[in-house]
C-alpha cells in the first residue's frame, strides 16, 4: 500500500489552471438595445498556454449563441484581461454557464496536452 501511495504522489505532479471570475456573473444590459453583457476577468497562471477561447452553455450543456471582440484571446503568462461576453436578450433564459478554455497552439516544442476549462454559473 505504501508503494502505491508513493507512486500516486510522484505521478500526480503539479496542477496548473487559469482563473475565470466572477464565479456567479450578472448579465447586465449593454449599450446596444436587446444585448446583455457579462463582464468577466481572465488570469493566465499557465506558462505553457498563451491563448484562451470562450463558450456559453445552457442547463444541458448545449451551446448558446454569444459574441465577444475576439474568439481566441492571446494572454501572456501571469497577465489579467477583462473579457466582455455579449448575449442576445432572447437567449437570456437559456444561458446557464459561461466558460473559458485554454488553447494549445501547434508548435515544435513539447508542451502540456492538458486543456483546462473553467465555468462560471450565471445567476
PDB file of N, CA and C in Angstrom:
ATOM      1  N   UNK A   1       0.817  -1.190   0.000  1.00  0.00           N
ATOM      2  CA  UNK A   1       0.000   0.000   0.000  1.00  0.00           C
ATOM      3  C   UNK A   1       0.866   1.262   0.000  1.00  0.00           C
ATOM      4  N   UNK A   2       1.954   1.212   0.739  1.00  0.00           N
ATOM      5  CA  UNK A   2       2.847   2.366   0.828  1.00  0.00           C
ATOM      6  C   UNK A   2       3.441   2.691  -0.543  1.00  0.00           C
ATOM      7  N   UNK A   3       3.779   1.665  -1.325  1.00  0.00           N
ATOM      8  CA  UNK A   3       4.361   1.867  -2.647  1.00  0.00           C
ATOM      9  C   UNK A   3       3.350   2.489  -3.605  1.00  0.00           C
ATOM     10  N   UNK A   4       2.108   2.101  -3.485  1.00  0.00           N
ATOM     11  CA  UNK A   4       1.062   2.675  -4.335  1.00  0.00           C
ATOM     12  C   UNK A   4       0.887   4.161  -4.019  1.00  0.00           C
ATOM     13  N   UNK A   5       0.882   4.518  -2.759  1.00  0.00           N
ATOM     14  CA  UNK A   5       0.742   5.923  -2.364  1.00  0.00           C
ATOM     15  C   UNK A   5       1.915   6.756  -2.871  1.00  0.00           C
ATOM     16  N   UNK A   6       3.128   6.218  -2.769  1.00  0.00           N
ATOM     17  CA  UNK A   6       4.310   6.929  -3.269  1.00  0.00           C
ATOM     18  C   UNK A   6       4.234   7.108  -4.782  1.00  0.00           C
ATOM     19  N   UNK A   7       3.793   6.092  -5.482  1.00  0.00           N
ATOM     20  CA  UNK A   7       3.649   6.173  -6.931  1.00  0.00           C
ATOM     21  C   UNK A   7       2.620   7.232  -7.320  1.00  0.00           C
ATOM     22  N   UNK A   8       1.507   7.285  -6.622  1.00  0.00           N
ATOM     23  CA  UNK A   8       0.491   8.300  -6.900  1.00  0.00           C
ATOM     24  C   UNK A   8       1.007   9.705  -6.652  1.00  0.00           C
ATOM     25  N   UNK A   9       1.766   9.904  -5.604  1.00  0.00           N
ATOM     26  CA  UNK A   9       2.337  11.227  -5.326  1.00  0.00           C
ATOM     27  C   UNK A   9       3.315  11.662  -6.399  1.00  0.00           C
ATOM     28  N   UNK A  10       4.121  10.734  -6.876  1.00  0.00           N
ATOM     29  CA  UNK A  10       5.108  11.059  -7.912  1.00  0.00           C
ATOM     30  C   UNK A  10       4.422  11.365  -9.239  1.00  0.00           C
ATOM     31  N   UNK A  11       3.401  10.590  -9.579  1.00  0.00           N
ATOM     32  CA  UNK A  11       2.729  10.767 -10.865  1.00  0.00           C
ATOM     33  C   UNK A  11       1.773  11.949 -10.905  1.00  0.00           C
ATOM     34  N   UNK A  12       1.301  12.391  -9.750  1.00  0.00           N
ATOM     35  CA  UNK A  12       0.324  13.472  -9.748  1.00  0.00           C
ATOM     36  C   UNK A  12       0.927  14.794 -10.209  1.00  0.00           C
ATOM     37  N   UNK A  13       2.122  15.119  -9.794  1.00  0.00           N
ATOM     38  CA  UNK A  13       2.808  16.332 -10.230  1.00  0.00           C
ATOM     39  C   UNK A  13       2.012  17.590  -9.924  1.00  0.00           C
ATOM     40  N   UNK A  14       2.534  18.734 -10.341  1.00  0.00           N
ATOM     41  CA  UNK A  14       1.831  19.986 -10.084  1.00  0.00           C
ATOM     42  C   UNK A  14       0.643  20.161 -11.031  1.00  0.00           C
ATOM     43  N   UNK A  15      -0.393  20.820 -10.554  1.00  0.00           N
ATOM     44  CA  UNK A  15      -1.574  21.089 -11.350  1.00  0.00           C
ATOM     45  C   UNK A  15      -1.620  22.588 -11.625  1.00  0.00           C
ATOM     46  N   UNK A  16      -1.848  22.943 -12.880  1.00  0.00           N
ATOM     47  CA  UNK A  16      -1.917  24.353 -13.252  1.00  0.00           C
ATOM     48  C   UNK A  16      -3.221  24.612 -13.983  1.00  0.00           C
ATOM     49  N   UNK A  17      -3.848  25.702 -13.664  1.00  0.00           N
ATOM     50  CA  UNK A  17      -5.074  26.096 -14.340  1.00  0.00           C
ATOM     51  C   UNK A  17      -5.063  27.610 -14.479  1.00  0.00           C
ATOM     52  N   UNK A  18      -6.155  28.148 -14.948  1.00  0.00           N
ATOM     53  CA  UNK A  18      -6.282  29.592 -15.055  1.00  0.00           C
ATOM     54  C   UNK A  18      -7.432  30.027 -14.155  1.00  0.00           C
ATOM     55  N   UNK A  19      -7.603  31.326 -14.024  1.00  0.00           N
ATOM     56  CA  UNK A  19      -8.668  31.868 -13.184  1.00  0.00           C
ATOM     57  C   UNK A  19      -9.683  32.575 -14.069  1.00  0.00           C
ATOM     58  N   UNK A  20     -10.972  32.364 -13.795  1.00  0.00           N
ATOM     59  CA  UNK A  20     -12.068  32.931 -14.580  1.00  0.00           C
ATOM     60  C   UNK A  20     -13.084  33.464 -13.576  1.00  0.00           C
ATOM     61  N   UNK A  21     -13.146  34.766 -13.411  1.00  0.00           N
ATOM     62  CA  UNK A  21     -14.021  35.361 -12.396  1.00  0.00           C
ATOM     63  C   UNK A  21     -14.943  36.394 -13.020  1.00  0.00           C
ATOM     64  N   UNK A  22     -16.074  36.713 -12.427  1.00  0.00           N
ATOM     65  CA  UNK A  22     -16.607  36.209 -11.174  1.00  0.00           C
ATOM     66  C   UNK A  22     -17.190  34.800 -11.332  1.00  0.00           C
ATOM     67  N   UNK A  23     -17.351  34.125 -10.209  1.00  0.00           N
ATOM     68  CA  UNK A  23     -17.891  32.765 -10.216  1.00  0.00           C
ATOM     69  C   UNK A  23     -19.364  32.761 -10.605  1.00  0.00           C
ATOM     70  N   UNK A  24     -20.107  33.759 -10.159  1.00  0.00           N
ATOM     71  CA  UNK A  24     -21.530  33.890 -10.481  1.00  0.00           C
ATOM     72  C   UNK A  24     -21.775  35.252 -11.123  1.00  0.00           C
ATOM     73  N   UNK A  25     -21.557  35.381 -12.439  1.00  0.00           N
ATOM     74  CA  UNK A  25     -21.691  36.690 -13.083  1.00  0.00           C
ATOM     75  C   UNK A  25     -23.150  37.111 -13.268  1.00  0.00           C
ATOM     76  N   UNK A  26     -23.352  38.420 -13.306  1.00  0.00           N
ATOM     77  CA  UNK A  26     -24.650  39.006 -13.638  1.00  0.00           C
ATOM     78  C   UNK A  26     -24.631  39.386 -15.104  1.00  0.00           C
ATOM     79  N   UNK A  27     -25.770  39.262 -15.762  1.00  0.00           N
ATOM     80  CA  UNK A  27     -25.908  39.735 -17.142  1.00  0.00           C
ATOM     81  C   UNK A  27     -26.614  41.080 -17.090  1.00  0.00           C
ATOM     82  N   UNK A  28     -25.896  42.121 -17.464  1.00  0.00           N
ATOM     83  CA  UNK A  28     -26.399  43.494 -17.411  1.00  0.00           C
ATOM     84  C   UNK A  28     -26.702  43.974 -18.834  1.00  0.00           C
ATOM     85  N   UNK A  29     -27.671  44.897 -18.987  1.00  0.00           N
ATOM     86  CA  UNK A  29     -27.915  45.458 -20.319  1.00  0.00           C
ATOM     87  C   UNK A  29     -26.671  46.187 -20.832  1.00  0.00           C
ATOM     88  N   UNK A  30     -26.365  46.011 -22.104  1.00  0.00           N
ATOM     89  CA  UNK A  30     -25.213  46.699 -22.694  1.00  0.00           C
ATOM     90  C   UNK A  30     -25.678  48.013 -23.321  1.00  0.00           C
ATOM     91  N   UNK A  31     -24.787  48.675 -24.007  1.00  0.00           N
ATOM     92  CA  UNK A  31     -25.129  49.940 -24.655  1.00  0.00           C
ATOM     93  C   UNK A  31     -25.946  49.727 -25.927  1.00  0.00           C
ATOM     94  N   UNK A  32     -26.111  48.478 -26.386  1.00  0.00           N
ATOM     95  CA  UNK A  32     -26.898  48.143 -27.567  1.00  0.00           C
ATOM     96  C   UNK A  32     -28.228  47.545 -27.106  1.00  0.00           C
ATOM     97  N   UNK A  33     -29.344  48.030 -27.651  1.00  0.00           N
ATOM     98  CA  UNK A  33     -30.661  47.513 -27.284  1.00  0.00           C
ATOM     99  C   UNK A  33     -30.768  46.020 -27.589  1.00  0.00           C
ATOM    100  N   UNK A  34     -31.313  45.261 -26.643  1.00  0.00           N
ATOM    101  CA  UNK A  34     -31.541  43.838 -26.850  1.00  0.00           C
ATOM    102  C   UNK A  34     -30.319  42.961 -26.642  1.00  0.00           C
ATOM    103  N   UNK A  35     -29.214  43.551 -26.206  1.00  0.00           N
ATOM    104  CA  UNK A  35     -27.977  42.802 -25.967  1.00  0.00           C
ATOM    105  C   UNK A  35     -27.567  42.978 -24.502  1.00  0.00           C
ATOM    106  N   UNK A  36     -27.195  41.869 -23.871  1.00  0.00           N
ATOM    107  CA  UNK A  36     -26.737  41.884 -22.483  1.00  0.00           C
ATOM    108  C   UNK A  36     -25.271  41.484 -22.439  1.00  0.00           C
ATOM    109  N   UNK A  37     -24.588  41.903 -21.383  1.00  0.00           N
ATOM    110  CA  UNK A  37     -23.155  41.657 -21.276  1.00  0.00           C
ATOM    111  C   UNK A  37     -22.805  41.085 -19.899  1.00  0.00           C
ATOM    112  N   UNK A  38     -21.872  40.148 -19.916  1.00  0.00           N
ATOM    113  CA  UNK A  38     -21.271  39.635 -18.682  1.00  0.00           C
ATOM    114  C   UNK A  38     -19.817  40.104 -18.693  1.00  0.00           C
ATOM    115  N   UNK A  39     -19.424  40.838 -17.672  1.00  0.00           N
ATOM    116  CA  UNK A  39     -18.057  41.338 -17.572  1.00  0.00           C
ATOM    117  C   UNK A  39     -17.240  40.326 -16.773  1.00  0.00           C
ATOM    118  N   UNK A  40     -16.300  39.679 -17.447  1.00  0.00           N
ATOM    119  CA  UNK A  40     -15.503  38.610 -16.844  1.00  0.00           C
ATOM    120  C   UNK A  40     -14.034  39.039 -16.802  1.00  0.00           C
ATOM    121  N   UNK A  41     -13.264  38.340 -15.976  1.00  0.00           N
ATOM    122  CA  UNK A  41     -11.826  38.583 -15.912  1.00  0.00           C
ATOM    123  C   UNK A  41     -11.086  37.243 -15.985  1.00  0.00           C
ATOM    124  N   UNK A  42     -10.086  37.207 -16.848  1.00  0.00           N
ATOM    125  CA  UNK A  42      -9.288  36.005 -17.057  1.00  0.00           C
ATOM    126  C   UNK A  42      -7.871  36.266 -16.572  1.00  0.00           C
ATOM    127  N   UNK A  43      -7.319  35.316 -15.818  1.00  0.00           N
ATOM    128  CA  UNK A  43      -5.933  35.396 -15.360  1.00  0.00           C
ATOM    129  C   UNK A  43      -5.225  34.123 -15.791  1.00  0.00           C
ATOM    130  N   UNK A  44      -4.145  34.270 -16.537  1.00  0.00           N
ATOM    131  CA  UNK A  44      -3.396  33.124 -17.050  1.00  0.00           C
ATOM    132  C   UNK A  44      -2.284  32.748 -16.076  1.00  0.00           C
ATOM    133  N   UNK A  45      -2.448  31.612 -15.403  1.00  0.00           N
ATOM    134  CA  UNK A  45      -1.410  31.118 -14.494  1.00  0.00           C
ATOM    135  C   UNK A  45      -0.675  29.926 -15.099  1.00  0.00           C
ATOM    136  N   UNK A  46      -0.805  29.757 -16.413  1.00  0.00           N
ATOM    137  CA  UNK A  46      -0.150  28.637 -17.093  1.00  0.00           C
ATOM    138  C   UNK A  46       0.915  29.166 -18.054  1.00  0.00           C
ATOM    139  N   UNK A  47       2.148  28.817 -17.791  1.00  0.00           N
ATOM    140  CA  UNK A  47       3.253  29.275 -18.642  1.00  0.00           C
ATOM    141  C   UNK A  47       3.221  28.617 -20.015  1.00  0.00           C
ATOM    142  N   UNK A  48       2.578  27.450 -20.136  1.00  0.00           N
ATOM    143  CA  UNK A  48       2.559  26.717 -21.407  1.00  0.00           C
ATOM    144  C   UNK A  48       1.392  27.110 -22.306  1.00  0.00           C
ATOM    145  N   UNK A  49       0.530  28.041 -21.874  1.00  0.00           N
ATOM    146  CA  UNK A  49      -0.647  28.436 -22.652  1.00  0.00           C
ATOM    147  C   UNK A  49      -0.641  29.944 -22.860  1.00  0.00           C
ATOM    148  N   UNK A  50      -0.901  30.371 -24.104  1.00  0.00           N
ATOM    149  CA  UNK A  50      -0.950  31.804 -24.409  1.00  0.00           C
ATOM    150  C   UNK A  50      -2.267  32.240 -25.043  1.00  0.00           C
ATOM    151  N   UNK A  51      -3.189  31.298 -25.290  1.00  0.00           N
ATOM    152  CA  UNK A  51      -4.469  31.625 -25.917  1.00  0.00           C
ATOM    153  C   UNK A  51      -5.610  30.951 -25.177  1.00  0.00           C
ATOM    154  N   UNK A  52      -6.735  31.668 -25.113  1.00  0.00           N
ATOM    155  CA  UNK A  52      -7.944  31.141 -24.489  1.00  0.00           C
ATOM    156  C   UNK A  52      -9.129  31.423 -25.395  1.00  0.00           C
ATOM    157  N   UNK A  53     -10.125  30.551 -25.324  1.00  0.00           N
ATOM    158  CA  UNK A  53     -11.373  30.750 -26.036  1.00  0.00           C
ATOM    159  C   UNK A  53     -12.510  30.659 -25.030  1.00  0.00           C
ATOM    160  N   UNK A  54     -13.711  31.009 -25.467  1.00  0.00           N
ATOM    161  CA  UNK A  54     -14.842  31.087 -24.547  1.00  0.00           C
ATOM    162  C   UNK A  54     -16.038  30.344 -25.117  1.00  0.00           C
ATOM    163  N   UNK A  55     -16.912  29.894 -24.218  1.00  0.00           N
ATOM    164  CA  UNK A  55     -18.111  29.155 -24.613  1.00  0.00           C
ATOM    165  C   UNK A  55     -19.240  29.525 -23.669  1.00  0.00           C
ATOM    166  N   UNK A  56     -20.477  29.473 -24.185  1.00  0.00           N
ATOM    167  CA  UNK A  56     -21.669  29.728 -23.373  1.00  0.00           C
ATOM    168  C   UNK A  56     -22.584  28.521 -23.552  1.00  0.00           C
ATOM    169  N   UNK A  57     -23.096  27.988 -22.419  1.00  0.00           N
ATOM    170  CA  UNK A  57     -23.915  26.779 -22.439  1.00  0.00           C
ATOM    171  C   UNK A  57     -25.223  26.982 -21.688  1.00  0.00           C
ATOM    172  N   UNK A  58     -26.193  26.110 -22.000  1.00  0.00           N
ATOM    173  CA  UNK A  58     -27.439  26.081 -21.238  1.00  0.00           C
ATOM    174  C   UNK A  58     -27.368  24.981 -20.183  1.00  0.00           C
ATOM    175  N   UNK A  59     -28.496  24.663 -19.539  1.00  0.00           N
ATOM    176  CA  UNK A  59     -28.525  23.654 -18.474  1.00  0.00           C
ATOM    177  C   UNK A  59     -28.095  22.268 -18.936  1.00  0.00           C
ATOM    178  N   UNK A  60     -28.299  21.969 -20.209  1.00  0.00           N
ATOM    179  CA  UNK A  60     -27.961  20.648 -20.729  1.00  0.00           C
ATOM    180  C   UNK A  60     -26.651  20.652 -21.520  1.00  0.00           C
ATOM    181  N   UNK A  61     -25.846  21.668 -21.329  1.00  0.00           N
ATOM    182  CA  UNK A  61     -24.538  21.820 -21.949  1.00  0.00           C
ATOM    183  C   UNK A  61     -24.596  21.909 -23.476  1.00  0.00           C
ATOM    184  N   UNK A  62     -25.690  22.497 -23.978  1.00  0.00           N
ATOM    185  CA  UNK A  62     -25.797  22.812 -25.399  1.00  0.00           C
ATOM    186  C   UNK A  62     -25.299  24.243 -25.588  1.00  0.00           C
ATOM    187  N   UNK A  63     -24.663  24.500 -26.720  1.00  0.00           N
ATOM    188  CA  UNK A  63     -24.113  25.831 -26.974  1.00  0.00           C
ATOM    189  C   UNK A  63     -25.217  26.871 -27.147  1.00  0.00           C
ATOM    190  N   UNK A  64     -24.970  28.055 -26.631  1.00  0.00           N
ATOM    191  CA  UNK A  64     -25.863  29.208 -26.769  1.00  0.00           C
ATOM    192  C   UNK A  64     -25.088  30.262 -27.566  1.00  0.00           C
ATOM    193  N   UNK A  65     -25.721  30.910 -28.566  1.00  0.00           N
ATOM    194  CA  UNK A  65     -25.018  31.941 -29.345  1.00  0.00           C
ATOM    195  C   UNK A  65     -24.571  33.106 -28.457  1.00  0.00           C
ATOM    196  N   UNK A  66     -23.400  33.629 -28.748  1.00  0.00           N
ATOM    197  CA  UNK A  66     -22.831  34.732 -27.980  1.00  0.00           C
ATOM    198  C   UNK A  66     -21.817  35.454 -28.865  1.00  0.00           C
ATOM    199  N   UNK A  67     -21.287  36.553 -28.378  1.00  0.00           N
ATOM    200  CA  UNK A  67     -20.282  37.317 -29.122  1.00  0.00           C
ATOM    201  C   UNK A  67     -19.299  37.955 -28.150  1.00  0.00           C
ATOM    202  N   UNK A  68     -18.122  38.238 -28.642  1.00  0.00           N
ATOM    203  CA  UNK A  68     -17.104  38.998 -27.925  1.00  0.00           C
ATOM    204  C   UNK A  68     -16.220  39.654 -28.965  1.00  0.00           C
ATOM    205  N   UNK A  69     -15.292  40.491 -28.538  1.00  0.00           N
ATOM    206  CA  UNK A  69     -14.437  41.177 -29.508  1.00  0.00           C
ATOM    207  C   UNK A  69     -13.510  40.203 -30.225  1.00  0.00           C
ATOM    208  N   UNK A  70     -13.035  39.174 -29.528  1.00  0.00           N
ATOM    209  CA  UNK A  70     -12.140  38.177 -30.116  1.00  0.00           C
ATOM    210  C   UNK A  70     -12.571  36.800 -29.645  1.00  0.00           C
ATOM    211  N   UNK A  71     -12.619  35.818 -30.556  1.00  0.00           N
ATOM    212  CA  UNK A  71     -12.965  34.440 -30.168  1.00  0.00           C
ATOM    213  C   UNK A  71     -11.802  33.772 -29.444  1.00  0.00           C
ATOM    214  N   UNK A  72     -10.604  33.956 -29.952  1.00  0.00           N
ATOM    215  CA  UNK A  72      -9.401  33.406 -29.328  1.00  0.00           C
ATOM    216  C   UNK A  72      -8.563  34.565 -28.834  1.00  0.00           C
ATOM    217  N   UNK A  73      -8.429  34.666 -27.529  1.00  0.00           N
ATOM    218  CA  UNK A  73      -7.765  35.815 -26.919  1.00  0.00           C
ATOM    219  C   UNK A  73      -6.332  35.457 -26.528  1.00  0.00           C
ATOM    220  N   UNK A  74      -5.351  36.220 -27.028  1.00  0.00           N
ATOM    221  CA  UNK A  74      -3.978  36.000 -26.569  1.00  0.00           C
ATOM    222  C   UNK A  74      -3.788  36.632 -25.189  1.00  0.00           C
ATOM    223  N   UNK A  75      -3.200  35.886 -24.300  1.00  0.00           N
ATOM    224  CA  UNK A  75      -2.934  36.408 -22.960  1.00  0.00           C
ATOM    225  C   UNK A  75      -1.647  35.770 -22.443  1.00  0.00           C
ATOM    226  N   UNK A  76      -0.711  36.605 -22.041  1.00  0.00           N
ATOM    227  CA  UNK A  76       0.599  36.126 -21.599  1.00  0.00           C
ATOM    228  C   UNK A  76       0.527  35.523 -20.200  1.00  0.00           C
ATOM    229  N   UNK A  77       1.554  34.785 -19.870  1.00  0.00           N
ATOM    230  CA  UNK A  77       1.688  34.161 -18.557  1.00  0.00           C
ATOM    231  C   UNK A  77       1.624  35.222 -17.455  1.00  0.00           C
ATOM    232  N   UNK A  78       0.805  34.996 -16.446  1.00  0.00           N
ATOM    233  CA  UNK A  78       0.571  35.869 -15.287  1.00  0.00           C
ATOM    234  C   UNK A  78      -0.067  37.210 -15.650  1.00  0.00           C
ATOM    235  N   UNK A  79      -0.716  37.291 -16.786  1.00  0.00           N
ATOM    236  CA  UNK A  79      -1.413  38.504 -17.217  1.00  0.00           C
ATOM    237  C   UNK A  79      -2.908  38.365 -16.924  1.00  0.00           C
ATOM    238  N   UNK A  80      -3.559  39.497 -16.635  1.00  0.00           N
ATOM    239  CA  UNK A  80      -5.015  39.553 -16.435  1.00  0.00           C
ATOM    240  C   UNK A  80      -5.629  40.320 -17.599  1.00  0.00           C
ATOM    241  N   UNK A  81      -6.830  39.882 -17.996  1.00  0.00           N
ATOM    242  CA  UNK A  81      -7.512  40.576 -19.085  1.00  0.00           C
ATOM    243  C   UNK A  81      -9.017  40.555 -18.830  1.00  0.00           C
ATOM    244  N   UNK A  82      -9.658  41.706 -19.048  1.00  0.00           N
ATOM    245  CA  UNK A  82     -11.108  41.790 -18.923  1.00  0.00           C
ATOM    246  C   UNK A  82     -11.737  41.365 -20.251  1.00  0.00           C
ATOM    247  N   UNK A  83     -12.773  40.506 -20.144  1.00  0.00           N
ATOM    248  CA  UNK A  83     -13.456  39.967 -21.314  1.00  0.00           C
ATOM    249  C   UNK A  83     -14.939  40.254 -21.164  1.00  0.00           C
ATOM    250  N   UNK A  84     -15.550  40.856 -22.187  1.00  0.00           N
ATOM    251  CA  UNK A  84     -16.989  41.071 -22.195  1.00  0.00           C
ATOM    252  C   UNK A  84     -17.639  40.033 -23.088  1.00  0.00           C
ATOM    253  N   UNK A  85     -18.602  39.296 -22.539  1.00  0.00           N
ATOM    254  CA  UNK A  85     -19.348  38.288 -23.285  1.00  0.00           C
ATOM    255  C   UNK A  85     -20.736  38.868 -23.541  1.00  0.00           C
ATOM    256  N   UNK A  86     -21.113  38.996 -24.829  1.00  0.00           N
ATOM    257  CA  UNK A  86     -22.387  39.596 -25.218  1.00  0.00           C
ATOM    258  C   UNK A  86     -23.385  38.507 -25.605  1.00  0.00           C
ATOM    259  N   UNK A  87     -24.616  38.636 -25.085  1.00  0.00           N
ATOM    260  CA  UNK A  87     -25.659  37.642 -25.322  1.00  0.00           C
ATOM    261  C   UNK A  87     -26.960  38.366 -25.680  1.00  0.00           C
ATOM    262  N   UNK A  88     -27.684  37.832 -26.671  1.00  0.00           N
ATOM    263  CA  UNK A  88     -28.962  38.430 -27.075  1.00  0.00           C
ATOM    264  C   UNK A  88     -30.006  38.262 -25.976  1.00  0.00           C
ATOM    265  N   UNK A  89     -30.907  39.223 -25.888  1.00  0.00           N
ATOM    266  CA  UNK A  89     -31.953  39.200 -24.868  1.00  0.00           C
ATOM    267  C   UNK A  89     -32.804  37.932 -24.991  1.00  0.00           C
ATOM    268  N   UNK A  90     -33.080  37.484 -26.206  1.00  0.00           N
ATOM    269  CA  UNK A  90     -33.892  36.294 -26.416  1.00  0.00           C
ATOM    270  C   UNK A  90     -33.235  35.014 -25.921  1.00  0.00           C
ATOM    271  N   UNK A  91     -31.905  35.008 -25.797  1.00  0.00           N
ATOM    272  CA  UNK A  91     -31.182  33.829 -25.323  1.00  0.00           C
ATOM    273  C   UNK A  91     -30.949  33.841 -23.811  1.00  0.00           C
ATOM    274  N   UNK A  92     -31.294  34.932 -23.133  1.00  0.00           N
ATOM    275  CA  UNK A  92     -31.045  35.041 -21.691  1.00  0.00           C
ATOM    276  C   UNK A  92     -31.638  33.901 -20.864  1.00  0.00           C
ATOM    277  N   UNK A  93     -32.888  33.475 -21.125  1.00  0.00           N
ATOM    278  CA  UNK A  93     -33.433  32.400 -20.295  1.00  0.00           C
ATOM    279  C   UNK A  93     -32.665  31.079 -20.418  1.00  0.00           C
ATOM    280  N   UNK A  94     -31.958  30.877 -21.526  1.00  0.00           N
ATOM    281  CA  UNK A  94     -31.220  29.631 -21.743  1.00  0.00           C
ATOM    282  C   UNK A  94     -29.831  29.633 -21.119  1.00  0.00           C
ATOM    283  N   UNK A  95     -29.233  30.792 -20.940  1.00  0.00           N
ATOM    284  CA  UNK A  95     -27.838  30.879 -20.503  1.00  0.00           C
ATOM    285  C   UNK A  95     -27.684  30.385 -19.060  1.00  0.00           C
ATOM    286  N   UNK A  96     -26.781  29.418 -18.856  1.00  0.00           N
ATOM    287  CA  UNK A  96     -26.510  28.923 -17.512  1.00  0.00           C
ATOM    288  C   UNK A  96     -25.023  29.011 -17.166  1.00  0.00           C
ATOM    289  N   UNK A  97     -24.128  28.693 -18.133  1.00  0.00           N
ATOM    290  CA  UNK A  97     -22.685  28.670 -17.865  1.00  0.00           C
ATOM    291  C   UNK A  97     -21.933  29.506 -18.897  1.00  0.00           C
ATOM    292  N   UNK A  98     -20.959  30.273 -18.424  1.00  0.00           N
ATOM    293  CA  UNK A  98     -20.021  30.990 -19.285  1.00  0.00           C
ATOM    294  C   UNK A  98     -18.643  30.422 -18.958  1.00  0.00           C
ATOM    295  N   UNK A  99     -17.994  29.841 -19.960  1.00  0.00           N
ATOM    296  CA  UNK A  99     -16.753  29.099 -19.722  1.00  0.00           C
ATOM    297  C   UNK A  99     -15.581  29.685 -20.488  1.00  0.00           C
ATOM    298  N   UNK A 100     -14.396  29.498 -19.935  1.00  0.00           N
ATOM    299  CA  UNK A 100     -13.144  29.801 -20.621  1.00  0.00           C
ATOM    300  C   UNK A 100     -12.381  28.491 -20.753  1.00  0.00           C
ATOM    301  N   UNK A 101     -11.666  28.345 -21.885  1.00  0.00           N
ATOM    302  CA  UNK A 101     -10.923  27.103 -22.130  1.00  0.00           C
ATOM    303  C   UNK A 101      -9.563  27.456 -22.724  1.00  0.00           C
ATOM    304  N   UNK A 102      -8.524  26.821 -22.209  1.00  0.00           N
ATOM    305  CA  UNK A 102      -7.173  27.069 -22.719  1.00  0.00           C
ATOM    306  C   UNK A 102      -7.007  26.414 -24.090  1.00  0.00           C
ATOM    307  N   UNK A 103      -6.256  27.073 -24.955  1.00  0.00           N
ATOM    308  CA  UNK A 103      -5.974  26.564 -26.298  1.00  0.00           C
ATOM    309  C   UNK A 103      -4.485  26.296 -26.437  1.00  0.00           C
ATOM    310  N   UNK A 104      -4.163  25.222 -27.106  1.00  0.00           N
ATOM    311  CA  UNK A 104      -2.764  24.899 -27.377  1.00  0.00           C
ATOM    312  C   UNK A 104      -2.473  25.142 -28.847  1.00  0.00           C
ATOM    313  N   UNK A 105      -1.460  25.934 -29.108  1.00  0.00           N
ATOM    314  CA  UNK A 105      -1.048  26.230 -30.469  1.00  0.00           C
ATOM    315  C   UNK A 105      -0.034  25.173 -30.886  1.00  0.00           C
ATOM    316  N   UNK A 106      -0.205  24.631 -32.082  1.00  0.00           N
ATOM    317  CA  UNK A 106       0.738  23.621 -32.560  1.00  0.00           C
ATOM    318  C   UNK A 106       2.112  24.252 -32.753  1.00  0.00           C
ATOM    319  N   UNK A 107       3.119  23.571 -32.238  1.00  0.00           N
ATOM    320  CA  UNK A 107       4.492  24.050 -32.391  1.00  0.00           C
ATOM    321  C   UNK A 107       5.425  22.860 -32.305  1.00  0.00           C
ATOM    322  N   UNK A 108       6.704  23.116 -32.491  1.00  0.00           N
ATOM    323  CA  UNK A 108       7.701  22.055 -32.411  1.00  0.00           C
ATOM    324  C   UNK A 108       8.119  21.769 -30.973  1.00  0.00           C
ATOM    325  N   UNK A 109       7.738  22.644 -30.058  1.00  0.00           N
ATOM    326  CA  UNK A 109       8.109  22.473 -28.658  1.00  0.00           C
ATOM    327  C   UNK A 109       7.218  21.428 -27.997  1.00  0.00           C
ATOM    328  N   UNK A 110       7.756  20.764 -27.022  1.00  0.00           N
ATOM    329  CA  UNK A 110       6.958  19.838 -26.227  1.00  0.00           C
ATOM    330  C   UNK A 110       6.190  20.655 -25.202  1.00  0.00           C
ATOM    331  N   UNK A 111       4.890  20.469 -25.191  1.00  0.00           N
ATOM    332  CA  UNK A 111       4.055  21.224 -24.264  1.00  0.00           C
ATOM    333  C   UNK A 111       3.038  20.292 -23.622  1.00  0.00           C
ATOM    334  N   UNK A 112       2.425  20.778 -22.589  1.00  0.00           N
ATOM    335  CA  UNK A 112       1.383  20.009 -21.918  1.00  0.00           C
ATOM    336  C   UNK A 112       0.200  19.847 -22.865  1.00  0.00           C
ATOM    337  N   UNK A 113      -0.388  18.678 -22.868  1.00  0.00           N
ATOM    338  CA  UNK A 113      -1.568  18.447 -23.688  1.00  0.00           C
ATOM    339  C   UNK A 113      -2.842  18.587 -22.880  1.00  0.00           C
ATOM    340  N   UNK A 114      -2.715  19.064 -21.653  1.00  0.00           N
ATOM    341  CA  UNK A 114      -3.867  19.212 -20.785  1.00  0.00           C
ATOM    342  C   UNK A 114      -4.512  20.572 -21.034  1.00  0.00           C
ATOM    343  N   UNK A 115      -5.775  20.530 -21.408  1.00  0.00           N
ATOM    344  CA  UNK A 115      -6.533  21.750 -21.616  1.00  0.00           C
ATOM    345  C   UNK A 115      -7.408  21.968 -20.390  1.00  0.00           C
ATOM    346  N   UNK A 116      -7.470  23.194 -19.901  1.00  0.00           N
ATOM    347  CA  UNK A 116      -8.288  23.475 -18.723  1.00  0.00           C
ATOM    348  C   UNK A 116      -9.515  24.289 -19.136  1.00  0.00           C
ATOM    349  N   UNK A 117     -10.664  23.918 -18.565  1.00  0.00           N
ATOM    350  CA  UNK A 117     -11.900  24.674 -18.794  1.00  0.00           C
ATOM    351  C   UNK A 117     -12.464  25.039 -17.429  1.00  0.00           C
ATOM    352  N   UNK A 118     -12.785  26.317 -17.265  1.00  0.00           N
ATOM    353  CA  UNK A 118     -13.396  26.786 -16.027  1.00  0.00           C
ATOM    354  C   UNK A 118     -14.690  27.509 -16.397  1.00  0.00           C
ATOM    355  N   UNK A 119     -15.760  27.148 -15.700  1.00  0.00           N
ATOM    356  CA  UNK A 119     -17.071  27.713 -15.998  1.00  0.00           C
ATOM    357  C   UNK A 119     -17.603  28.511 -14.816  1.00  0.00           C
ATOM    358  N   UNK A 120     -18.283  29.589 -15.147  1.00  0.00           N
ATOM    359  CA  UNK A 120     -18.990  30.395 -14.155  1.00  0.00           C
ATOM    360  C   UNK A 120     -20.478  30.194 -14.373  1.00  0.00           C
ATOM    361  N   UNK A 121     -21.216  30.044 -13.288  1.00  0.00           N
ATOM    362  CA  UNK A 121     -22.657  29.820 -13.373  1.00  0.00           C
ATOM    363  C   UNK A 121     -23.386  31.151 -13.284  1.00  0.00           C
ATOM    364  N   UNK A 122     -24.221  31.436 -14.280  1.00  0.00           N
ATOM    365  CA  UNK A 122     -24.954  32.698 -14.327  1.00  0.00           C
ATOM    366  C   UNK A 122     -26.064  32.680 -13.282  1.00  0.00           C
ATOM    367  N   UNK A 123     -26.214  33.795 -12.571  1.00  0.00           N
ATOM    368  CA  UNK A 123     -27.240  33.894 -11.515  1.00  0.00           C
ATOM    369  C   UNK A 123     -28.625  33.786 -12.093  1.00  0.00           C
TER     370      UNK A 123
END
